[in-house]
PDB file of N, CA and C in Angstrom:
ATOM      1  N   MET A   1    -224.146  51.044 -90.668  1.00  0.00           N
ATOM      2  CA  MET A   1    -224.033  52.209 -91.048  1.00  0.00           C
ATOM      3  C   MET A   1    -222.171  52.794 -90.926  1.00  0.00           C
ATOM      4  N   GLU A   2    -221.817  53.226 -92.303  1.00  0.00           N
ATOM      5  CA  GLU A   2    -220.119  53.785 -92.194  1.00  0.00           C
ATOM      6  C   GLU A   2    -220.177  54.879 -91.631  1.00  0.00           C
ATOM      7  N   LEU A   3    -218.889  55.168 -90.590  1.00  0.00           N
ATOM      8  CA  LEU A   3    -218.526  56.403 -90.285  1.00  0.00           C
ATOM      9  C   LEU A   3    -217.988  56.996 -90.835  1.00  0.00           C
ATOM     10  N   SER A   4    -217.851  58.100 -91.050  1.00  0.00           N
ATOM     11  CA  SER A   4    -217.076  59.303 -91.644  1.00  0.00           C
ATOM     12  C   SER A   4    -215.789  59.327 -91.565  1.00  0.00           C
ATOM     13  N   PHE A   5    -214.892  59.878 -92.145  1.00  0.00           N
ATOM     14  CA  PHE A   5    -213.610  59.597 -91.537  1.00  0.00           C
ATOM     15  C   PHE A   5    -213.072  60.320 -90.745  1.00  0.00           C
ATOM     16  N   PRO A   6    -213.505  61.547 -89.911  1.00  0.00           N
ATOM     17  CA  PRO A   6    -213.336  62.417 -89.348  1.00  0.00           C
ATOM     18  C   PRO A   6    -213.873  61.688 -87.698  1.00  0.00           C
ATOM     19  N   ARG A   7    -215.024  60.566 -87.773  1.00  0.00           N
ATOM     20  CA  ARG A   7    -215.078  60.097 -86.887  1.00  0.00           C
ATOM     21  C   ARG A   7    -214.639  58.950 -86.614  1.00  0.00           C
ATOM     22  N   LYS A   8    -214.201  58.318 -87.488  1.00  0.00           N
ATOM     23  CA  LYS A   8    -213.301  57.318 -87.461  1.00  0.00           C
ATOM     24  C   LYS A   8    -211.835  57.639 -86.878  1.00  0.00           C
ATOM     25  N   LEU A   9    -211.345  58.813 -87.199  1.00  0.00           N
ATOM     26  CA  LEU A   9    -210.230  59.359 -86.498  1.00  0.00           C
ATOM     27  C   LEU A   9    -210.086  59.526 -84.639  1.00  0.00           C
ATOM     28  N   LEU A  10    -211.662  60.594 -84.466  1.00  0.00           N
ATOM     29  CA  LEU A  10    -211.774  60.702 -83.231  1.00  0.00           C
ATOM     30  C   LEU A  10    -212.251  59.422 -82.426  1.00  0.00           C
ATOM     31  N   ALA A  11    -212.783  58.383 -82.915  1.00  0.00           N
ATOM     32  CA  ALA A  11    -212.663  57.243 -82.274  1.00  0.00           C
ATOM     33  C   ALA A  11    -211.403  56.121 -82.062  1.00  0.00           C
ATOM     34  N   GLY A  12    -210.864  56.496 -82.606  1.00  0.00           N
ATOM     35  CA  GLY A  12    -209.004  55.906 -83.084  1.00  0.00           C
ATOM     36  C   GLY A  12    -208.684  56.624 -81.735  1.00  0.00           C
ATOM     37  N   ALA A  13    -208.716  58.216 -81.589  1.00  0.00           N
ATOM     38  CA  ALA A  13    -208.193  58.868 -80.592  1.00  0.00           C
ATOM     39  C   ALA A  13    -208.536  58.667 -79.124  1.00  0.00           C
ATOM     40  N   VAL A  14    -209.924  58.286 -79.029  1.00  0.00           N
ATOM     41  CA  VAL A  14    -210.759  57.850 -77.898  1.00  0.00           C
ATOM     42  C   VAL A  14    -209.687  56.574 -77.166  1.00  0.00           C
ATOM     43  N   ALA A  15    -210.033  55.236 -78.135  1.00  0.00           N
ATOM     44  CA  ALA A  15    -209.709  54.297 -77.864  1.00  0.00           C
ATOM     45  C   ALA A  15    -208.006  54.213 -77.302  1.00  0.00           C
ATOM     46  N   GLY A  16    -207.534  55.338 -78.122  1.00  0.00           N
ATOM     47  CA  GLY A  16    -205.925  54.976 -77.501  1.00  0.00           C
ATOM     48  C   GLY A  16    -205.694  55.315 -76.313  1.00  0.00           C
ATOM     49  N   GLY A  17    -206.589  56.974 -75.950  1.00  0.00           N
ATOM     50  CA  GLY A  17    -205.782  57.563 -75.069  1.00  0.00           C
ATOM     51  C   GLY A  17    -206.882  56.776 -73.706  1.00  0.00           C
ATOM     52  N   ILE A  18    -207.993  55.813 -74.007  1.00  0.00           N
ATOM     53  CA  ILE A  18    -208.359  54.909 -72.607  1.00  0.00           C
ATOM     54  C   ILE A  18    -207.368  53.795 -72.540  1.00  0.00           C
ATOM     55  N   GLY A  19    -207.126  53.621 -73.443  1.00  0.00           N
ATOM     56  CA  GLY A  19    -205.947  52.400 -73.877  1.00  0.00           C
ATOM     57  C   GLY A  19    -204.262  52.803 -72.863  1.00  0.00           C
ATOM     58  N   ALA A  20    -204.186  54.387 -73.100  1.00  0.00           N
ATOM     59  CA  ALA A  20    -202.748  54.797 -72.818  1.00  0.00           C
ATOM     60  C   ALA A  20    -202.949  55.053 -70.998  1.00  0.00           C
ATOM     61  N   ALA A  21    -204.647  55.255 -70.973  1.00  0.00           N
ATOM     62  CA  ALA A  21    -204.744  55.685 -69.320  1.00  0.00           C
ATOM     63  C   ALA A  21    -204.904  54.579 -68.638  1.00  0.00           C
ATOM     64  N   ILE A  22    -204.961  53.262 -69.149  1.00  0.00           N
ATOM     65  CA  ILE A  22    -205.350  52.275 -68.624  1.00  0.00           C
ATOM     66  C   ILE A  22    -204.031  51.313 -67.875  1.00  0.00           C
ATOM     67  N   ALA A  23    -203.011  51.484 -69.202  1.00  0.00           N
ATOM     68  CA  ALA A  23    -201.582  51.034 -69.156  1.00  0.00           C
ATOM     69  C   ALA A  23    -200.692  51.591 -68.611  1.00  0.00           C
ATOM     70  N   ASN A  24    -200.921  53.288 -68.404  1.00  0.00           N
ATOM     71  CA  ASN A  24    -200.149  54.077 -67.608  1.00  0.00           C
ATOM     72  C   ASN A  24    -199.259  53.819 -66.189  1.00  0.00           C
ATOM     73  N   PRO A  25    -200.031  53.303 -65.381  1.00  0.00           N
ATOM     74  CA  PRO A  25    -199.482  52.839 -63.841  1.00  0.00           C
ATOM     75  C   PRO A  25    -198.380  51.905 -64.423  1.00  0.00           C
ATOM     76  N   THR A  26    -199.039  50.756 -64.648  1.00  0.00           N
ATOM     77  CA  THR A  26    -197.731  49.693 -65.128  1.00  0.00           C
ATOM     78  C   THR A  26    -196.671  50.332 -66.157  1.00  0.00           C
ATOM     79  N   ASP A  27    -196.987  51.203 -67.082  1.00  0.00           N
ATOM     80  CA  ASP A  27    -195.640  51.417 -67.506  1.00  0.00           C
ATOM     81  C   ASP A  27    -194.729  52.296 -66.865  1.00  0.00           C
ATOM     82  N   VAL A  28    -195.388  53.208 -65.620  1.00  0.00           N
ATOM     83  CA  VAL A  28    -194.586  53.969 -65.034  1.00  0.00           C
ATOM     84  C   VAL A  28    -193.847  52.869 -64.000  1.00  0.00           C
ATOM     85  N   LEU A  29    -194.134  52.022 -63.525  1.00  0.00           N
ATOM     86  CA  LEU A  29    -193.488  51.121 -62.664  1.00  0.00           C
ATOM     87  C   LEU A  29    -192.419  50.309 -63.280  1.00  0.00           C
ATOM     88  N   LYS A  30    -192.884  49.985 -64.705  1.00  0.00           N
ATOM     89  CA  LYS A  30    -191.885  49.120 -65.445  1.00  0.00           C
ATOM     90  C   LYS A  30    -190.358  50.228 -65.821  1.00  0.00           C
ATOM     91  N   VAL A  31    -190.651  51.477 -66.445  1.00  0.00           N
ATOM     92  CA  VAL A  31    -189.786  52.092 -66.138  1.00  0.00           C
ATOM     93  C   VAL A  31    -188.944  52.475 -64.962  1.00  0.00           C
ATOM     94  N   ARG A  32    -189.670  53.013 -64.304  1.00  0.00           N
ATOM     95  CA  ARG A  32    -188.944  53.083 -62.789  1.00  0.00           C
ATOM     96  C   ARG A  32    -187.974  51.754 -62.247  1.00  0.00           C
ATOM     97  N   MET A  33    -188.015  50.594 -62.336  1.00  0.00           N
ATOM     98  CA  MET A  33    -187.756  49.112 -62.012  1.00  0.00           C
ATOM     99  C   MET A  33    -186.714  49.053 -62.958  1.00  0.00           C
ATOM    100  N   GLN A  34    -186.297  49.253 -64.636  1.00  0.00           N
ATOM    101  CA  GLN A  34    -185.675  49.277 -65.250  1.00  0.00           C
ATOM    102  C   GLN A  34    -184.715  50.348 -65.120  1.00  0.00           C
ATOM    103  N   ALA A  35    -184.988  51.783 -65.093  1.00  0.00           N
ATOM    104  CA  ALA A  35    -183.929  52.645 -64.383  1.00  0.00           C
ATOM    105  C   ALA A  35    -183.249  52.663 -62.792  1.00  0.00           C
ATOM    106  N   ALA A  36    -183.580  51.649 -62.418  1.00  0.00           N
ATOM    107  CA  ALA A  36    -182.948  51.596 -61.025  1.00  0.00           C
ATOM    108  C   ALA A  36    -181.122  50.614 -61.275  1.00  0.00           C
ATOM    109  N   ALA A  37    -180.714  50.496 -62.472  1.00  0.00           N
ATOM    110  CA  ALA A  37    -179.608  49.931 -62.669  1.00  0.00           C
ATOM    111  C   ALA A  37    -178.962  49.172 -61.720  1.00  0.00           C
ATOM    112  N   GLY A  38    -179.316  47.851 -61.413  1.00  0.00           N
ATOM    113  CA  GLY A  38    -179.298  46.979 -60.788  1.00  0.00           C
ATOM    114  C   GLY A  38    -179.513  47.185 -59.131  1.00  0.00           C
ATOM    115  N   VAL A  39    -179.980  48.088 -58.980  1.00  0.00           N
ATOM    116  CA  VAL A  39    -180.574  48.094 -57.068  1.00  0.00           C
ATOM    117  C   VAL A  39    -181.909  48.218 -57.472  1.00  0.00           C
ATOM    118  N   ALA A  40    -182.238  46.857 -56.857  1.00  0.00           N
ATOM    119  CA  ALA A  40    -183.905  46.775 -56.836  1.00  0.00           C
ATOM    120  C   ALA A  40    -184.397  47.968 -55.915  1.00  0.00           C
ATOM    121  N   PRO A  41    -185.008  48.512 -56.526  1.00  0.00           N
ATOM    122  CA  PRO A  41    -185.915  49.566 -55.521  1.00  0.00           C
ATOM    123  C   PRO A  41    -187.472  48.812 -54.970  1.00  0.00           C
ATOM    124  N   TYR A  42    -187.872  48.043 -55.608  1.00  0.00           N
ATOM    125  CA  TYR A  42    -188.947  47.226 -55.052  1.00  0.00           C
ATOM    126  C   TYR A  42    -188.542  45.826 -55.000  1.00  0.00           C
ATOM    127  N   ARG A  43    -189.291  45.273 -54.104  1.00  0.00           N
ATOM    128  CA  ARG A  43    -189.289  43.786 -53.856  1.00  0.00           C
ATOM    129  C   ARG A  43    -189.864  42.872 -55.165  1.00  0.00           C
ATOM    130  N   ASN A  44    -191.253  43.483 -55.823  1.00  0.00           N
ATOM    131  CA  ASN A  44    -191.765  43.068 -57.069  1.00  0.00           C
ATOM    132  C   ASN A  44    -192.740  43.928 -57.338  1.00  0.00           C
ATOM    133  N   THR A  45    -193.802  43.412 -58.221  1.00  0.00           N
ATOM    134  CA  THR A  45    -194.784  44.264 -58.475  1.00  0.00           C
ATOM    135  C   THR A  45    -195.878  45.284 -57.711  1.00  0.00           C
ATOM    136  N   TRP A  46    -196.311  44.060 -57.304  1.00  0.00           N
ATOM    137  CA  TRP A  46    -196.949  44.473 -56.097  1.00  0.00           C
ATOM    138  C   TRP A  46    -196.377  45.700 -54.977  1.00  0.00           C
ATOM    139  N   HIS A  47    -195.078  45.525 -54.580  1.00  0.00           N
ATOM    140  CA  HIS A  47    -194.541  46.173 -53.626  1.00  0.00           C
ATOM    141  C   HIS A  47    -194.444  47.464 -54.049  1.00  0.00           C
ATOM    142  N   GLY A  48    -193.740  47.060 -55.443  1.00  0.00           N
ATOM    143  CA  GLY A  48    -193.702  48.540 -56.236  1.00  0.00           C
ATOM    144  C   GLY A  48    -195.192  49.740 -56.533  1.00  0.00           C
ATOM    145  N   PHE A  49    -196.199  49.113 -56.547  1.00  0.00           N
ATOM    146  CA  PHE A  49    -197.478  49.808 -56.637  1.00  0.00           C
ATOM    147  C   PHE A  49    -197.824  50.304 -55.462  1.00  0.00           C
ATOM    148  N   THR A  50    -197.585  49.497 -54.341  1.00  0.00           N
ATOM    149  CA  THR A  50    -198.154  50.274 -52.790  1.00  0.00           C
ATOM    150  C   THR A  50    -196.990  51.274 -52.454  1.00  0.00           C
ATOM    151  N   THR A  51    -195.682  51.106 -53.107  1.00  0.00           N
ATOM    152  CA  THR A  51    -194.842  51.923 -52.246  1.00  0.00           C
ATOM    153  C   THR A  51    -195.116  53.299 -53.180  1.00  0.00           C
ATOM    154  N   ILE A  52    -195.166  53.411 -54.710  1.00  0.00           N
ATOM    155  CA  ILE A  52    -195.500  54.431 -54.862  1.00  0.00           C
ATOM    156  C   ILE A  52    -196.882  55.150 -54.514  1.00  0.00           C
ATOM    157  N   LEU A  53    -197.924  54.611 -54.345  1.00  0.00           N
ATOM    158  CA  LEU A  53    -199.195  54.931 -53.908  1.00  0.00           C
ATOM    159  C   LEU A  53    -199.171  55.451 -52.462  1.00  0.00           C
ATOM    160  N   ASN A  54    -198.446  54.890 -51.748  1.00  0.00           N
ATOM    161  CA  ASN A  54    -198.092  55.364 -50.193  1.00  0.00           C
ATOM    162  C   ASN A  54    -197.037  56.697 -50.313  1.00  0.00           C
ATOM    163  N   THR A  55    -195.813  56.959 -50.724  1.00  0.00           N
ATOM    164  CA  THR A  55    -195.267  57.982 -51.066  1.00  0.00           C
ATOM    165  C   THR A  55    -195.522  59.014 -52.103  1.00  0.00           C
ATOM    166  N   GLU A  56    -196.362  58.730 -53.014  1.00  0.00           N
ATOM    167  CA  GLU A  56    -196.718  59.769 -54.354  1.00  0.00           C
ATOM    168  C   GLU A  56    -198.098  60.324 -54.227  1.00  0.00           C
ATOM    169  N   GLY A  57    -198.760  59.213 -54.004  1.00  0.00           N
ATOM    170  CA  GLY A  57    -200.422  59.024 -54.014  1.00  0.00           C
ATOM    171  C   GLY A  57    -200.881  58.384 -55.214  1.00  0.00           C
ATOM    172  N   ILE A  58    -201.965  58.814 -56.053  1.00  0.00           N
ATOM    173  CA  ILE A  58    -202.512  58.121 -57.412  1.00  0.00           C
ATOM    174  C   ILE A  58    -201.927  59.077 -58.514  1.00  0.00           C
ATOM    175  N   ALA A  59    -201.199  60.412 -58.027  1.00  0.00           N
ATOM    176  CA  ALA A  59    -200.490  61.146 -59.346  1.00  0.00           C
ATOM    177  C   ALA A  59    -199.186  60.729 -59.702  1.00  0.00           C
ATOM    178  N   GLY A  60    -198.646  59.834 -58.534  1.00  0.00           N
ATOM    179  CA  GLY A  60    -197.618  59.020 -58.866  1.00  0.00           C
ATOM    180  C   GLY A  60    -197.425  58.014 -59.989  1.00  0.00           C
ATOM    181  N   LEU A  61    -198.449  57.558 -59.856  1.00  0.00           N
ATOM    182  CA  LEU A  61    -198.673  56.229 -61.060  1.00  0.00           C
ATOM    183  C   LEU A  61    -199.158  56.877 -62.552  1.00  0.00           C
ATOM    184  N   TYR A  62    -199.621  58.003 -62.410  1.00  0.00           N
ATOM    185  CA  TYR A  62    -200.181  59.205 -63.541  1.00  0.00           C
ATOM    186  C   TYR A  62    -199.390  60.322 -63.895  1.00  0.00           C
ATOM    187  N   ARG A  63    -198.166  59.925 -63.626  1.00  0.00           N
ATOM    188  CA  ARG A  63    -197.098  60.896 -63.868  1.00  0.00           C
ATOM    189  C   ARG A  63    -196.966  61.385 -65.343  1.00  0.00           C
ATOM    190  N   VAL A  64    -196.947  60.587 -66.080  1.00  0.00           N
ATOM    191  CA  VAL A  64    -196.580  61.125 -67.473  1.00  0.00           C
ATOM    192  C   VAL A  64    -197.831  60.560 -68.378  1.00  0.00           C
ATOM    193  N   LEU A  65    -199.115  60.690 -67.767  1.00  0.00           N
ATOM    194  CA  LEU A  65    -200.190  60.417 -68.695  1.00  0.00           C
ATOM    195  C   LEU A  65    -200.439  61.346 -69.713  1.00  0.00           C
ATOM    196  N   LEU A  66    -200.283  62.475 -69.615  1.00  0.00           N
ATOM    197  CA  LEU A  66    -200.565  63.220 -70.778  1.00  0.00           C
ATOM    198  C   LEU A  66    -199.752  63.028 -72.150  1.00  0.00           C
ATOM    199  N   LEU A  67    -198.835  62.636 -71.899  1.00  0.00           N
ATOM    200  CA  LEU A  67    -197.830  62.297 -73.033  1.00  0.00           C
ATOM    201  C   LEU A  67    -198.425  60.861 -73.739  1.00  0.00           C
ATOM    202  N   ASP A  68    -198.264  59.843 -72.692  1.00  0.00           N
ATOM    203  CA  ASP A  68    -198.936  58.543 -73.107  1.00  0.00           C
ATOM    204  C   ASP A  68    -200.264  59.133 -73.661  1.00  0.00           C
ATOM    205  N   LEU A  69    -201.520  59.742 -73.161  1.00  0.00           N
ATOM    206  CA  LEU A  69    -202.749  60.192 -73.986  1.00  0.00           C
ATOM    207  C   LEU A  69    -202.114  60.518 -75.500  1.00  0.00           C
ATOM    208  N   CYS A  70    -201.260  61.659 -75.856  1.00  0.00           N
ATOM    209  CA  CYS A  70    -200.905  62.067 -76.767  1.00  0.00           C
ATOM    210  C   CYS A  70    -200.389  61.019 -77.839  1.00  0.00           C
ATOM    211  N   PHE A  71    -199.384  60.431 -77.438  1.00  0.00           N
ATOM    212  CA  PHE A  71    -198.835  59.243 -78.422  1.00  0.00           C
ATOM    213  C   PHE A  71    -199.603  58.005 -78.733  1.00  0.00           C
ATOM    214  N   GLY A  72    -200.780  57.578 -77.260  1.00  0.00           N
ATOM    215  CA  GLY A  72    -201.696  56.662 -77.438  1.00  0.00           C
ATOM    216  C   GLY A  72    -202.438  56.628 -78.622  1.00  0.00           C
ATOM    217  N   SER A  73    -203.088  58.248 -78.694  1.00  0.00           N
ATOM    218  CA  SER A  73    -204.307  58.157 -79.753  1.00  0.00           C
ATOM    219  C   SER A  73    -203.438  58.628 -81.212  1.00  0.00           C
ATOM    220  N   ILE A  74    -202.374  58.973 -81.145  1.00  0.00           N
ATOM    221  CA  ILE A  74    -201.735  59.171 -82.543  1.00  0.00           C
ATOM    222  C   ILE A  74    -201.361  57.684 -82.904  1.00  0.00           C
ATOM    223  N   GLU A  75    -200.918  56.918 -82.107  1.00  0.00           N
ATOM    224  CA  GLU A  75    -200.559  55.522 -82.266  1.00  0.00           C
ATOM    225  C   GLU A  75    -201.804  54.540 -82.760  1.00  0.00           C
ATOM    226  N   THR A  76    -202.856  54.734 -82.179  1.00  0.00           N
ATOM    227  CA  THR A  76    -203.581  54.078 -82.566  1.00  0.00           C
ATOM    228  C   THR A  76    -204.300  54.912 -83.996  1.00  0.00           C
ATOM    229  N   ASN A  77    -204.293  55.526 -84.366  1.00  0.00           N
ATOM    230  CA  ASN A  77    -205.256  56.192 -85.836  1.00  0.00           C
ATOM    231  C   ASN A  77    -203.633  55.987 -86.657  1.00  0.00           C
ATOM    232  N   TYR A  78    -202.855  55.853 -86.541  1.00  0.00           N
ATOM    233  CA  TYR A  78    -201.573  55.471 -87.084  1.00  0.00           C
ATOM    234  C   TYR A  78    -201.941  54.308 -87.884  1.00  0.00           C
ATOM    235  N   PHE A  79    -202.028  53.081 -86.796  1.00  0.00           N
ATOM    236  CA  PHE A  79    -202.549  51.616 -87.440  1.00  0.00           C
ATOM    237  C   PHE A  79    -203.866  52.079 -88.277  1.00  0.00           C
ATOM    238  N   TYR A  80    -204.689  52.787 -87.780  1.00  0.00           N
ATOM    239  CA  TYR A  80    -206.003  52.527 -88.683  1.00  0.00           C
ATOM    240  C   TYR A  80    -205.679  53.349 -90.035  1.00  0.00           C
ATOM    241  N   LEU A  81    -205.007  54.449 -89.966  1.00  0.00           N
ATOM    242  CA  LEU A  81    -204.507  54.911 -91.526  1.00  0.00           C
ATOM    243  C   LEU A  81    -204.092  54.203 -92.644  1.00  0.00           C
ATOM    244  N   ARG A  82    -203.073  52.825 -91.925  1.00  0.00           N
ATOM    245  CA  ARG A  82    -202.304  52.159 -92.440  1.00  0.00           C
ATOM    246  C   ARG A  82    -202.825  51.135 -93.185  1.00  0.00           C
ATOM    247  N   GLU A  83    -204.042  51.070 -92.668  1.00  0.00           N
ATOM    248  CA  GLU A  83    -205.159  49.603 -93.798  1.00  0.00           C
ATOM    249  C   GLU A  83    -205.372  50.334 -94.840  1.00  0.00           C
TER     250      GLU A  83
END
């Protein structure tokens, strides 16, 4: 069964959103480590995750989730429409 065009767009948006939600905590940690400019805020990745969780809670790891959800779904549909 072939999906209609709107359903394919919706499926792409959902897939992109799920991918963004899964990857967002690692992206937040990566950006914080890169923005430190020579001063290492965390000893390693695990220390970074636990520090953020202990100081800011789970919301600290999902700080920019809404933005990532929007761009993740747009990006997924862009690659679909390019084909």
